[in-house]
mmCIF file of all heavy atoms, coordinates in Angstrom:
data_MODEL
# 
_entry.id   MODEL 
# 
loop_
_atom_site.group_PDB 
_atom_site.id 
_atom_site.type_symbol 
_atom_site.label_atom_id 
_atom_site.label_alt_id 
_atom_site.label_comp_id 
_atom_site.label_asym_id 
_atom_site.label_entity_id 
_atom_site.label_seq_id 
_atom_site.pdbx_PDB_ins_code 
_atom_site.Cartn_x 
_atom_site.Cartn_y 
_atom_site.Cartn_z 
_atom_site.occupancy 
_atom_site.B_iso_or_equiv 
_atom_site.pdbx_formal_charge 
_atom_site.auth_seq_id 
_atom_site.auth_comp_id 
_atom_site.auth_asym_id 
_atom_site.auth_atom_id 
_atom_site.pdbx_PDB_model_num 
ATOM 1   N N   . LEU A 1 1  ? -1.727  8.532   4.428  1.00 0.00 ? 1  LEU A N   1 
ATOM 2   C CA  . LEU A 1 1  ? -1.630  7.145   3.949  1.00 0.00 ? 1  LEU A CA  1 
ATOM 3   C C   . LEU A 1 1  ? -0.622  6.357   4.780  1.00 0.00 ? 1  LEU A C   1 
ATOM 4   O O   . LEU A 1 1  ? 0.192   6.931   5.518  1.00 0.00 ? 1  LEU A O   1 
ATOM 5   C CB  . LEU A 1 1  ? -1.270  7.089   2.464  1.00 0.00 ? 1  LEU A CB  1 
ATOM 6   C CG  . LEU A 1 1  ? 0.096   7.657   2.042  1.00 0.00 ? 1  LEU A CG  1 
ATOM 7   C CD1 . LEU A 1 1  ? 1.180   6.585   2.098  1.00 0.00 ? 1  LEU A CD1 1 
ATOM 8   C CD2 . LEU A 1 1  ? -0.003  8.235   0.637  1.00 0.00 ? 1  LEU A CD2 1 
ATOM 9   N N   . ALA A 1 2  ? -0.714  5.064   4.644  1.00 0.00 ? 2  ALA A N   1 
ATOM 10  C CA  . ALA A 1 2  ? 0.255   4.163   5.277  1.00 0.00 ? 2  ALA A CA  1 
ATOM 11  C C   . ALA A 1 2  ? 0.867   3.252   4.225  1.00 0.00 ? 2  ALA A C   1 
ATOM 12  O O   . ALA A 1 2  ? 0.172   2.815   3.304  1.00 0.00 ? 2  ALA A O   1 
ATOM 13  C CB  . ALA A 1 2  ? -0.425  3.315   6.362  1.00 0.00 ? 2  ALA A CB  1 
ATOM 14  N N   . ARG A 1 3  ? 2.158   2.994   4.368  1.00 0.00 ? 3  ARG A N   1 
ATOM 15  C CA  . ARG A 1 3  ? 2.843   2.060   3.472  1.00 0.00 ? 3  ARG A CA  1 
ATOM 16  C C   . ARG A 1 3  ? 3.096   0.768   4.240  1.00 0.00 ? 3  ARG A C   1 
ATOM 17  O O   . ARG A 1 3  ? 4.043   0.652   4.994  1.00 0.00 ? 3  ARG A O   1 
ATOM 18  C CB  . ARG A 1 3  ? 4.151   2.663   2.981  1.00 0.00 ? 3  ARG A CB  1 
ATOM 19  C CG  . ARG A 1 3  ? 3.987   3.856   2.014  1.00 0.00 ? 3  ARG A CG  1 
ATOM 20  C CD  . ARG A 1 3  ? 5.300   4.535   1.733  1.00 0.00 ? 3  ARG A CD  1 
ATOM 21  N NE  . ARG A 1 3  ? 5.752   5.352   2.866  1.00 0.00 ? 3  ARG A NE  1 
ATOM 22  C CZ  . ARG A 1 3  ? 7.019   5.696   3.104  1.00 0.00 ? 3  ARG A CZ  1 
ATOM 23  N NH1 . ARG A 1 3  ? 7.970   5.260   2.296  1.00 0.00 ? 3  ARG A NH1 1 
ATOM 24  N NH2 . ARG A 1 3  ? 7.324   6.439   4.127  1.00 0.00 ? 3  ARG A NH2 1 
ATOM 25  N N   . VAL A 1 4  ? 2.180   -0.181  4.043  1.00 0.00 ? 4  VAL A N   1 
ATOM 26  C CA  . VAL A 1 4  ? 2.252   -1.428  4.802  1.00 0.00 ? 4  VAL A CA  1 
ATOM 27  C C   . VAL A 1 4  ? 3.277   -2.359  4.192  1.00 0.00 ? 4  VAL A C   1 
ATOM 28  O O   . VAL A 1 4  ? 3.228   -2.653  2.990  1.00 0.00 ? 4  VAL A O   1 
ATOM 29  C CB  . VAL A 1 4  ? 0.857   -2.111  4.828  1.00 0.00 ? 4  VAL A CB  1 
ATOM 30  C CG1 . VAL A 1 4  ? 0.945   -3.458  5.544  1.00 0.00 ? 4  VAL A CG1 1 
ATOM 31  C CG2 . VAL A 1 4  ? -0.151  -1.201  5.503  1.00 0.00 ? 4  VAL A CG2 1 
ATOM 32  N N   . ILE A 1 5  ? 4.221   -2.799  5.013  1.00 0.00 ? 5  ILE A N   1 
ATOM 33  C CA  . ILE A 1 5  ? 5.277   -3.720  4.573  1.00 0.00 ? 5  ILE A CA  1 
ATOM 34  C C   . ILE A 1 5  ? 4.703   -5.134  4.430  1.00 0.00 ? 5  ILE A C   1 
ATOM 35  O O   . ILE A 1 5  ? 4.100   -5.648  5.372  1.00 0.00 ? 5  ILE A O   1 
ATOM 36  C CB  . ILE A 1 5  ? 6.457   -3.705  5.542  1.00 0.00 ? 5  ILE A CB  1 
ATOM 37  C CG1 . ILE A 1 5  ? 7.030   -2.307  5.641  1.00 0.00 ? 5  ILE A CG1 1 
ATOM 38  C CG2 . ILE A 1 5  ? 7.525   -4.719  5.125  1.00 0.00 ? 5  ILE A CG2 1 
ATOM 39  C CD1 . ILE A 1 5  ? 8.062   -2.140  6.748  1.00 0.00 ? 5  ILE A CD1 1 
ATOM 40  N N   . LEU A 1 6  ? 4.869   -5.726  3.273  1.00 0.00 ? 6  LEU A N   1 
ATOM 41  C CA  . LEU A 1 6  ? 4.323   -7.061  3.048  1.00 0.00 ? 6  LEU A CA  1 
ATOM 42  C C   . LEU A 1 6  ? 5.146   -8.114  3.787  1.00 0.00 ? 6  LEU A C   1 
ATOM 43  O O   . LEU A 1 6  ? 6.359   -8.132  3.698  1.00 0.00 ? 6  LEU A O   1 
ATOM 44  C CB  . LEU A 1 6  ? 4.309   -7.398  1.554  1.00 0.00 ? 6  LEU A CB  1 
ATOM 45  C CG  . LEU A 1 6  ? 3.005   -7.116  0.795  1.00 0.00 ? 6  LEU A CG  1 
ATOM 46  C CD1 . LEU A 1 6  ? 2.695   -5.632  0.798  1.00 0.00 ? 6  LEU A CD1 1 
ATOM 47  C CD2 . LEU A 1 6  ? 3.115   -7.657  -0.628 1.00 0.00 ? 6  LEU A CD2 1 
ATOM 48  N N   . PRO A 1 7  ? 4.472   -9.027  4.523  1.00 0.00 ? 7  PRO A N   1 
ATOM 49  C CA  . PRO A 1 7  ? 5.196   -10.171 5.072  1.00 0.00 ? 7  PRO A CA  1 
ATOM 50  C C   . PRO A 1 7  ? 5.791   -11.001 3.938  1.00 0.00 ? 7  PRO A C   1 
ATOM 51  O O   . PRO A 1 7  ? 5.283   -10.966 2.813  1.00 0.00 ? 7  PRO A O   1 
ATOM 52  C CB  . PRO A 1 7  ? 4.093   -10.943 5.806  1.00 0.00 ? 7  PRO A CB  1 
ATOM 53  C CG  . PRO A 1 7  ? 3.004   -9.950  6.055  1.00 0.00 ? 7  PRO A CG  1 
ATOM 54  C CD  . PRO A 1 7  ? 3.047   -8.996  4.899  1.00 0.00 ? 7  PRO A CD  1 
ATOM 55  N N   . HIS A 1 8  ? 6.854   -11.746 4.202  1.00 0.00 ? 8  HIS A N   1 
ATOM 56  C CA  . HIS A 1 8  ? 7.527   -12.475 3.139  1.00 0.00 ? 8  HIS A CA  1 
ATOM 57  C C   . HIS A 1 8  ? 6.632   -13.522 2.477  1.00 0.00 ? 8  HIS A C   1 
ATOM 58  O O   . HIS A 1 8  ? 6.825   -13.874 1.316  1.00 0.00 ? 8  HIS A O   1 
ATOM 59  C CB  . HIS A 1 8  ? 8.787   -13.173 3.708  1.00 0.00 ? 8  HIS A CB  1 
ATOM 60  C CG  . HIS A 1 8  ? 8.487   -14.318 4.600  1.00 0.00 ? 8  HIS A CG  1 
ATOM 61  N ND1 . HIS A 1 8  ? 8.140   -14.177 5.928  1.00 0.00 ? 8  HIS A ND1 1 
ATOM 62  C CD2 . HIS A 1 8  ? 8.471   -15.683 4.351  1.00 0.00 ? 8  HIS A CD2 1 
ATOM 63  C CE1 . HIS A 1 8  ? 7.929   -15.376 6.467  1.00 0.00 ? 8  HIS A CE1 1 
ATOM 64  N NE2 . HIS A 1 8  ? 8.114   -16.298 5.528  1.00 0.00 ? 8  HIS A NE2 1 
ATOM 65  N N   . ASN A 1 9  ? 5.618   -14.004 3.227  1.00 0.00 ? 9  ASN A N   1 
ATOM 66  C CA  . ASN A 1 9  ? 4.740   -15.043 2.667  1.00 0.00 ? 9  ASN A CA  1 
ATOM 67  C C   . ASN A 1 9  ? 3.398   -14.478 2.183  1.00 0.00 ? 9  ASN A C   1 
ATOM 68  O O   . ASN A 1 9  ? 2.475   -15.235 1.914  1.00 0.00 ? 9  ASN A O   1 
ATOM 69  C CB  . ASN A 1 9  ? 4.480   -16.131 3.715  1.00 0.00 ? 9  ASN A CB  1 
ATOM 70  C CG  . ASN A 1 9  ? 3.815   -15.580 4.977  1.00 0.00 ? 9  ASN A CG  1 
ATOM 71  O OD1 . ASN A 1 9  ? 3.829   -14.360 5.193  1.00 0.00 ? 9  ASN A OD1 1 
ATOM 72  N ND2 . ASN A 1 9  ? 3.248   -16.470 5.789  1.00 0.00 ? 9  ASN A ND2 1 
ATOM 73  N N   . ALA A 1 10 ? 3.292   -13.162 2.080  1.00 0.00 ? 10 ALA A N   1 
ATOM 74  C CA  . ALA A 1 10 ? 2.020   -12.542 1.655  1.00 0.00 ? 10 ALA A CA  1 
ATOM 75  C C   . ALA A 1 10 ? 1.759   -12.851 0.188  1.00 0.00 ? 10 ALA A C   1 
ATOM 76  O O   . ALA A 1 10 ? 2.621   -12.648 -0.673 1.00 0.00 ? 10 ALA A O   1 
ATOM 77  C CB  . ALA A 1 10 ? 2.075   -11.048 1.873  1.00 0.00 ? 10 ALA A CB  1 
ATOM 78  N N   . ASP A 1 11 ? 0.562   -13.358 -0.087 1.00 0.00 ? 11 ASP A N   1 
ATOM 79  C CA  . ASP A 1 11 ? 0.180   -13.650 -1.466 1.00 0.00 ? 11 ASP A CA  1 
ATOM 80  C C   . ASP A 1 11 ? -0.885  -12.668 -1.922 1.00 0.00 ? 11 ASP A C   1 
ATOM 81  O O   . ASP A 1 11 ? -1.276  -11.736 -1.185 1.00 0.00 ? 11 ASP A O   1 
ATOM 82  C CB  . ASP A 1 11 ? -0.309  -15.102 -1.626 1.00 0.00 ? 11 ASP A CB  1 
ATOM 83  C CG  . ASP A 1 11 ? -1.451  -15.432 -0.685 1.00 0.00 ? 11 ASP A CG  1 
ATOM 84  O OD1 . ASP A 1 11 ? -2.025  -14.499 -0.083 1.00 0.00 ? 11 ASP A OD1 1 
ATOM 85  O OD2 . ASP A 1 11 ? -1.790  -16.624 -0.578 1.00 0.00 ? 11 ASP A OD2 1 
ATOM 86  N N   . ALA A 1 12 ? -1.410  -12.870 -3.107 1.00 0.00 ? 12 ALA A N   1 
ATOM 87  C CA  . ALA A 1 12 ? -2.419  -11.949 -3.655 1.00 0.00 ? 12 ALA A CA  1 
ATOM 88  C C   . ALA A 1 12 ? -3.671  -11.930 -2.798 1.00 0.00 ? 12 ALA A C   1 
ATOM 89  O O   . ALA A 1 12 ? -4.299  -10.880 -2.596 1.00 0.00 ? 12 ALA A O   1 
ATOM 90  C CB  . ALA A 1 12 ? -2.744  -12.307 -5.095 1.00 0.00 ? 12 ALA A CB  1 
ATOM 91  N N   . ASP A 1 13 ? -4.044  -13.095 -2.251 1.00 0.00 ? 13 ASP A N   1 
ATOM 92  C CA  . ASP A 1 13 ? -5.235  -13.154 -1.402 1.00 0.00 ? 13 ASP A CA  1 
ATOM 93  C C   . ASP A 1 13 ? -5.046  -12.317 -0.144 1.00 0.00 ? 13 ASP A C   1 
ATOM 94  O O   . ASP A 1 13 ? -5.995  -11.647 0.311  1.00 0.00 ? 13 ASP A O   1 
ATOM 95  C CB  . ASP A 1 13 ? -5.528  -14.611 -1.013 1.00 0.00 ? 13 ASP A CB  1 
ATOM 96  C CG  . ASP A 1 13 ? -6.063  -15.424 -2.186 1.00 0.00 ? 13 ASP A CG  1 
ATOM 97  O OD1 . ASP A 1 13 ? -6.579  -14.810 -3.155 1.00 0.00 ? 13 ASP A OD1 1 
ATOM 98  O OD2 . ASP A 1 13 ? -5.988  -16.665 -2.135 1.00 0.00 ? 13 ASP A OD2 1 
ATOM 99  N N   . TRP A 1 14 ? -3.821  -12.327 0.428  1.00 0.00 ? 14 TRP A N   1 
ATOM 100 C CA  . TRP A 1 14 ? -3.580  -11.517 1.633  1.00 0.00 ? 14 TRP A CA  1 
ATOM 101 C C   . TRP A 1 14 ? -3.683  -10.035 1.286  1.00 0.00 ? 14 TRP A C   1 
ATOM 102 O O   . TRP A 1 14 ? -4.273  -9.253  2.057  1.00 0.00 ? 14 TRP A O   1 
ATOM 103 C CB  . TRP A 1 14 ? -2.174  -11.853 2.165  1.00 0.00 ? 14 TRP A CB  1 
ATOM 104 C CG  . TRP A 1 14 ? -1.856  -11.166 3.455  1.00 0.00 ? 14 TRP A CG  1 
ATOM 105 C CD1 . TRP A 1 14 ? -2.052  -11.647 4.714  1.00 0.00 ? 14 TRP A CD1 1 
ATOM 106 C CD2 . TRP A 1 14 ? -1.249  -9.867  3.630  1.00 0.00 ? 14 TRP A CD2 1 
ATOM 107 N NE1 . TRP A 1 14 ? -1.636  -10.717 5.649  1.00 0.00 ? 14 TRP A NE1 1 
ATOM 108 C CE2 . TRP A 1 14 ? -1.126  -9.625  5.010  1.00 0.00 ? 14 TRP A CE2 1 
ATOM 109 C CE3 . TRP A 1 14 ? -0.804  -8.882  2.746  1.00 0.00 ? 14 TRP A CE3 1 
ATOM 110 C CZ2 . TRP A 1 14 ? -0.594  -8.442  5.533  1.00 0.00 ? 14 TRP A CZ2 1 
ATOM 111 C CZ3 . TRP A 1 14 ? -0.282  -7.715  3.242  1.00 0.00 ? 14 TRP A CZ3 1 
ATOM 112 C CH2 . TRP A 1 14 ? -0.159  -7.489  4.611  1.00 0.00 ? 14 TRP A CH2 1 
ATOM 113 N N   . ILE A 1 15 ? -3.119  -9.650  0.174  1.00 0.00 ? 15 ILE A N   1 
ATOM 114 C CA  . ILE A 1 15 ? -3.154  -8.245  -0.220 1.00 0.00 ? 15 ILE A CA  1 
ATOM 115 C C   . ILE A 1 15 ? -4.576  -7.774  -0.439 1.00 0.00 ? 15 ILE A C   1 
ATOM 116 O O   . ILE A 1 15 ? -4.979  -6.693  0.017  1.00 0.00 ? 15 ILE A O   1 
ATOM 117 C CB  . ILE A 1 15 ? -2.310  -8.038  -1.506 1.00 0.00 ? 15 ILE A CB  1 
ATOM 118 C CG1 . ILE A 1 15 ? -0.832  -8.273  -1.196 1.00 0.00 ? 15 ILE A CG1 1 
ATOM 119 C CG2 . ILE A 1 15 ? -2.521  -6.653  -2.093 1.00 0.00 ? 15 ILE A CG2 1 
ATOM 120 C CD1 . ILE A 1 15 ? 0.041   -8.374  -2.418 1.00 0.00 ? 15 ILE A CD1 1 
ATOM 121 N N   . ILE A 1 16 ? -5.384  -8.602  -1.114 1.00 0.00 ? 16 ILE A N   1 
ATOM 122 C CA  . ILE A 1 16 ? -6.767  -8.220  -1.366 1.00 0.00 ? 16 ILE A CA  1 
ATOM 123 C C   . ILE A 1 16 ? -7.551  -8.177  -0.068 1.00 0.00 ? 16 ILE A C   1 
ATOM 124 O O   . ILE A 1 16 ? -8.401  -7.292  0.149  1.00 0.00 ? 16 ILE A O   1 
ATOM 125 C CB  . ILE A 1 16 ? -7.410  -9.190  -2.369 1.00 0.00 ? 16 ILE A CB  1 
ATOM 126 C CG1 . ILE A 1 16 ? -6.732  -9.023  -3.745 1.00 0.00 ? 16 ILE A CG1 1 
ATOM 127 C CG2 . ILE A 1 16 ? -8.907  -8.958  -2.497 1.00 0.00 ? 16 ILE A CG2 1 
ATOM 128 C CD1 . ILE A 1 16 ? -7.108  -10.062 -4.770 1.00 0.00 ? 16 ILE A CD1 1 
ATOM 129 N N   . ALA A 1 17 ? -7.282  -9.101  0.849  1.00 0.00 ? 17 ALA A N   1 
ATOM 130 C CA  . ALA A 1 17 ? -7.986  -9.123  2.127  1.00 0.00 ? 17 ALA A CA  1 
ATOM 131 C C   . ALA A 1 17 ? -7.677  -7.883  2.957  1.00 0.00 ? 17 ALA A C   1 
ATOM 132 O O   . ALA A 1 17 ? -8.552  -7.337  3.626  1.00 0.00 ? 17 ALA A O   1 
ATOM 133 C CB  . ALA A 1 17 ? -7.589  -10.387 2.898  1.00 0.00 ? 17 ALA A CB  1 
ATOM 134 N N   . VAL A 1 18 ? -6.439  -7.430  2.920  1.00 0.00 ? 18 VAL A N   1 
ATOM 135 C CA  . VAL A 1 18 ? -6.058  -6.220  3.640  1.00 0.00 ? 18 VAL A CA  1 
ATOM 136 C C   . VAL A 1 18 ? -6.724  -4.994  3.017  1.00 0.00 ? 18 VAL A C   1 
ATOM 137 O O   . VAL A 1 18 ? -7.119  -4.045  3.707  1.00 0.00 ? 18 VAL A O   1 
ATOM 138 C CB  . VAL A 1 18 ? -4.531  -6.045  3.668  1.00 0.00 ? 18 VAL A CB  1 
ATOM 139 C CG1 . VAL A 1 18 ? -4.143  -4.659  4.193  1.00 0.00 ? 18 VAL A CG1 1 
ATOM 140 C CG2 . VAL A 1 18 ? -3.886  -7.129  4.535  1.00 0.00 ? 18 VAL A CG2 1 
ATOM 141 N N   . SER A 1 19 ? -6.901  -5.024  1.709  1.00 0.00 ? 19 SER A N   1 
ATOM 142 C CA  . SER A 1 19 ? -7.428  -3.877  0.976  1.00 0.00 ? 19 SER A CA  1 
ATOM 143 C C   . SER A 1 19 ? -8.938  -3.775  1.032  1.00 0.00 ? 19 SER A C   1 
ATOM 144 O O   . SER A 1 19 ? -9.488  -2.680  0.971  1.00 0.00 ? 19 SER A O   1 
ATOM 145 C CB  . SER A 1 19 ? -6.996  -3.964  -0.482 1.00 0.00 ? 19 SER A CB  1 
ATOM 146 O OG  . SER A 1 19 ? -5.594  -4.111  -0.590 1.00 0.00 ? 19 SER A OG  1 
ATOM 147 N N   . ASP A 1 20 ? -9.629  -4.910  1.137  1.00 0.00 ? 20 ASP A N   1 
ATOM 148 C CA  . ASP A 1 20 ? -11.081 -4.934  1.005  1.00 0.00 ? 20 ASP A CA  1 
ATOM 149 C C   . ASP A 1 20 ? -11.736 -5.256  2.340  1.00 0.00 ? 20 ASP A C   1 
ATOM 150 O O   . ASP A 1 20 ? -11.735 -6.404  2.782  1.00 0.00 ? 20 ASP A O   1 
ATOM 151 C CB  . ASP A 1 20 ? -11.465 -5.991  -0.045 1.00 0.00 ? 20 ASP A CB  1 
ATOM 152 C CG  . ASP A 1 20 ? -12.957 -5.955  -0.363 1.00 0.00 ? 20 ASP A CG  1 
ATOM 153 O OD1 . ASP A 1 20 ? -13.712 -5.246  0.332  1.00 0.00 ? 20 ASP A OD1 1 
ATOM 154 O OD2 . ASP A 1 20 ? -13.372 -6.644  -1.314 1.00 0.00 ? 20 ASP A OD2 1 
ATOM 155 N N   . PRO A 1 21 ? -12.345 -4.280  3.001  1.00 0.00 ? 21 PRO A N   1 
ATOM 156 C CA  . PRO A 1 21 ? -12.929 -4.517  4.333  1.00 0.00 ? 21 PRO A CA  1 
ATOM 157 C C   . PRO A 1 21 ? -14.164 -5.419  4.291  1.00 0.00 ? 21 PRO A C   1 
ATOM 158 O O   . PRO A 1 21 ? -14.585 -5.923  5.334  1.00 0.00 ? 21 PRO A O   1 
ATOM 159 C CB  . PRO A 1 21 ? -13.298 -3.113  4.809  1.00 0.00 ? 21 PRO A CB  1 
ATOM 160 C CG  . PRO A 1 21 ? -13.442 -2.324  3.580  1.00 0.00 ? 21 PRO A CG  1 
ATOM 161 C CD  . PRO A 1 21 ? -12.459 -2.887  2.597  1.00 0.00 ? 21 PRO A CD  1 
ATOM 162 N N   . SER A 1 22 ? -14.773 -5.586  3.099  1.00 0.00 ? 22 SER A N   1 
ATOM 163 C CA  . SER A 1 22 ? -15.921 -6.476  3.044  1.00 0.00 ? 22 SER A CA  1 
ATOM 164 C C   . SER A 1 22 ? -15.499 -7.907  3.312  1.00 0.00 ? 22 SER A C   1 
ATOM 165 O O   . SER A 1 22 ? -16.350 -8.794  3.544  1.00 0.00 ? 22 SER A O   1 
ATOM 166 C CB  . SER A 1 22 ? -16.621 -6.376  1.698  1.00 0.00 ? 22 SER A CB  1 
ATOM 167 O OG  . SER A 1 22 ? -15.775 -6.812  0.638  1.00 0.00 ? 22 SER A OG  1 
ATOM 168 N N   . LYS A 1 23 ? -14.179 -8.177  3.300  1.00 0.00 ? 23 LYS A N   1 
ATOM 169 C CA  . LYS A 1 23 ? -13.663 -9.516  3.596  1.00 0.00 ? 23 LYS A CA  1 
ATOM 170 C C   . LYS A 1 23 ? -13.117 -9.626  5.038  1.00 0.00 ? 23 LYS A C   1 
ATOM 171 O O   . LYS A 1 23 ? -12.529 -10.645 5.397  1.00 0.00 ? 23 LYS A O   1 
ATOM 172 C CB  . LYS A 1 23 ? -12.548 -9.878  2.599  1.00 0.00 ? 23 LYS A CB  1 
ATOM 173 C CG  . LYS A 1 23 ? -12.998 -9.821  1.149  1.00 0.00 ? 23 LYS A CG  1 
ATOM 174 C CD  . LYS A 1 23 ? -11.867 -10.226 0.218  1.00 0.00 ? 23 LYS A CD  1 
ATOM 175 C CE  . LYS A 1 23 ? -12.273 -10.072 -1.253 1.00 0.00 ? 23 LYS A CE  1 
ATOM 176 N NZ  . LYS A 1 23 ? -13.399 -10.928 -1.604 1.00 0.00 ? 23 LYS A NZ  1 
ATOM 177 N N   . ASP A 1 24 ? -13.311 -8.601  5.849  1.00 0.00 ? 24 ASP A N   1 
ATOM 178 C CA  . ASP A 1 24 ? -12.737 -8.602  7.189  1.00 0.00 ? 24 ASP A CA  1 
ATOM 179 C C   . ASP A 1 24 ? -13.256 -9.737  8.055  1.00 0.00 ? 24 ASP A C   1 
ATOM 180 O O   . ASP A 1 24 ? -12.502 -10.317 8.843  1.00 0.00 ? 24 ASP A O   1 
ATOM 181 C CB  . ASP A 1 24 ? -12.985 -7.257  7.875  1.00 0.00 ? 24 ASP A CB  1 
ATOM 182 C CG  . ASP A 1 24 ? -12.049 -6.163  7.398  1.00 0.00 ? 24 ASP A CG  1 
ATOM 183 O OD1 . ASP A 1 24 ? -11.105 -6.479  6.669  1.00 0.00 ? 24 ASP A OD1 1 
ATOM 184 O OD2 . ASP A 1 24 ? -12.287 -4.971  7.738  1.00 0.00 ? 24 ASP A OD2 1 
ATOM 185 N N   . LEU A 1 25 ? -14.525 -10.077 7.945  1.00 0.00 ? 25 LEU A N   1 
ATOM 186 C CA  . LEU A 1 25 ? -15.083 -11.131 8.780  1.00 0.00 ? 25 LEU A CA  1 
ATOM 187 C C   . LEU A 1 25 ? -14.584 -12.508 8.344  1.00 0.00 ? 25 LEU A C   1 
ATOM 188 O O   . LEU A 1 25 ? -14.407 -13.389 9.197  1.00 0.00 ? 25 LEU A O   1 
ATOM 189 C CB  . LEU A 1 25 ? -16.619 -11.091 8.724  1.00 0.00 ? 25 LEU A CB  1 
ATOM 190 C CG  . LEU A 1 25 ? -17.278 -9.860  9.387  1.00 0.00 ? 25 LEU A CG  1 
ATOM 191 C CD1 . LEU A 1 25 ? -18.807 -9.971  9.301  1.00 0.00 ? 25 LEU A CD1 1 
ATOM 192 C CD2 . LEU A 1 25 ? -16.863 -9.771  10.862 1.00 0.00 ? 25 LEU A CD2 1 
ATOM 193 N N   . SER A 1 26 ? -14.359 -12.695 7.052  1.00 0.00 ? 26 SER A N   1 
ATOM 194 C CA  . SER A 1 26 ? -13.904 -14.003 6.572  1.00 0.00 ? 26 SER A CA  1 
ATOM 195 C C   . SER A 1 26 ? -12.399 -14.195 6.708  1.00 0.00 ? 26 SER A C   1 
ATOM 196 O O   . SER A 1 26 ? -11.899 -15.293 6.676  1.00 0.00 ? 26 SER A O   1 
ATOM 197 C CB  . SER A 1 26 ? -14.336 -14.210 5.094  1.00 0.00 ? 26 SER A CB  1 
ATOM 198 O OG  . SER A 1 26 ? -13.792 -13.181 4.302  1.00 0.00 ? 26 SER A OG  1 
ATOM 199 N N   . THR A 1 27 ? -11.675 -13.077 6.829  1.00 0.00 ? 27 THR A N   1 
ATOM 200 C CA  . THR A 1 27 ? -10.209 -13.143 6.970  1.00 0.00 ? 27 THR A CA  1 
ATOM 201 C C   . THR A 1 27 ? -9.787  -12.236 8.126  1.00 0.00 ? 27 THR A C   1 
ATOM 202 O O   . THR A 1 27 ? -9.181  -11.176 7.903  1.00 0.00 ? 27 THR A O   1 
ATOM 203 C CB  . THR A 1 27 ? -9.487  -12.740 5.692  1.00 0.00 ? 27 THR A CB  1 
ATOM 204 O OG1 . THR A 1 27 ? -9.960  -11.448 5.276  1.00 0.00 ? 27 THR A OG1 1 
ATOM 205 C CG2 . THR A 1 27 ? -9.741  -13.743 4.569  1.00 0.00 ? 27 THR A CG2 1 
ATOM 206 N N   . PRO A 1 28 ? -10.097 -12.585 9.362  1.00 0.00 ? 28 PRO A N   1 
ATOM 207 C CA  . PRO A 1 28 ? -9.852  -11.665 10.478 1.00 0.00 ? 28 PRO A CA  1 
ATOM 208 C C   . PRO A 1 28 ? -8.401  -11.555 10.911 1.00 0.00 ? 28 PRO A C   1 
ATOM 209 O O   . PRO A 1 28 ? -8.025  -10.543 11.507 1.00 0.00 ? 28 PRO A O   1 
ATOM 210 C CB  . PRO A 1 28 ? -10.721 -12.270 11.611 1.00 0.00 ? 28 PRO A CB  1 
ATOM 211 C CG  . PRO A 1 28 ? -10.781 -13.731 11.261 1.00 0.00 ? 28 PRO A CG  1 
ATOM 212 C CD  . PRO A 1 28 ? -10.788 -13.822 9.778  1.00 0.00 ? 28 PRO A CD  1 
ATOM 213 N N   . LEU A 1 29 ? -7.586  -12.551 10.632 1.00 0.00 ? 29 LEU A N   1 
ATOM 214 C CA  . LEU A 1 29 ? -6.198  -12.569 11.127 1.00 0.00 ? 29 LEU A CA  1 
ATOM 215 C C   . LEU A 1 29 ? -5.241  -12.060 10.057 1.00 0.00 ? 29 LEU A C   1 
ATOM 216 O O   . LEU A 1 29 ? -4.680  -12.835 9.310  1.00 0.00 ? 29 LEU A O   1 
ATOM 217 C CB  . LEU A 1 29 ? -5.824  -13.980 11.578 1.00 0.00 ? 29 LEU A CB  1 
ATOM 218 C CG  . LEU A 1 29 ? -6.714  -14.586 12.687 1.00 0.00 ? 29 LEU A CG  1 
ATOM 219 C CD1 . LEU A 1 29 ? -6.272  -16.013 13.005 1.00 0.00 ? 29 LEU A CD1 1 
ATOM 220 C CD2 . LEU A 1 29 ? -6.666  -13.716 13.937 1.00 0.00 ? 29 LEU A CD2 1 
ATOM 221 N N   . LYS A 1 30 ? -5.072  -10.749 10.010 1.00 0.00 ? 30 LYS A N   1 
ATOM 222 C CA  . LYS A 1 30 ? -4.197  -10.161 8.977  1.00 0.00 ? 30 LYS A CA  1 
ATOM 223 C C   . LYS A 1 30 ? -2.994  -9.442  9.573  1.00 0.00 ? 30 LYS A C   1 
ATOM 224 O O   . LYS A 1 30 ? -2.036  -9.175  8.898  1.00 0.00 ? 30 LYS A O   1 
ATOM 225 C CB  . LYS A 1 30 ? -5.016  -9.184  8.118  1.00 0.00 ? 30 LYS A CB  1 
ATOM 226 C CG  . LYS A 1 30 ? -6.109  -9.813  7.315  1.00 0.00 ? 30 LYS A CG  1 
ATOM 227 C CD  . LYS A 1 30 ? -6.770  -8.819  6.385  1.00 0.00 ? 30 LYS A CD  1 
ATOM 228 C CE  . LYS A 1 30 ? -7.695  -7.882  7.154  1.00 0.00 ? 30 LYS A CE  1 
ATOM 229 N NZ  . LYS A 1 30 ? -8.902  -8.570  7.650  1.00 0.00 ? 30 LYS A NZ  1 
# 
């Protein structure tokens, strides 16, 4: 596993986008 450090401005949408690859095309810059 990896423990990814959250950026200071990371919100719930960022966390979900990192977690869910089905959103990779709509949120490519993570």
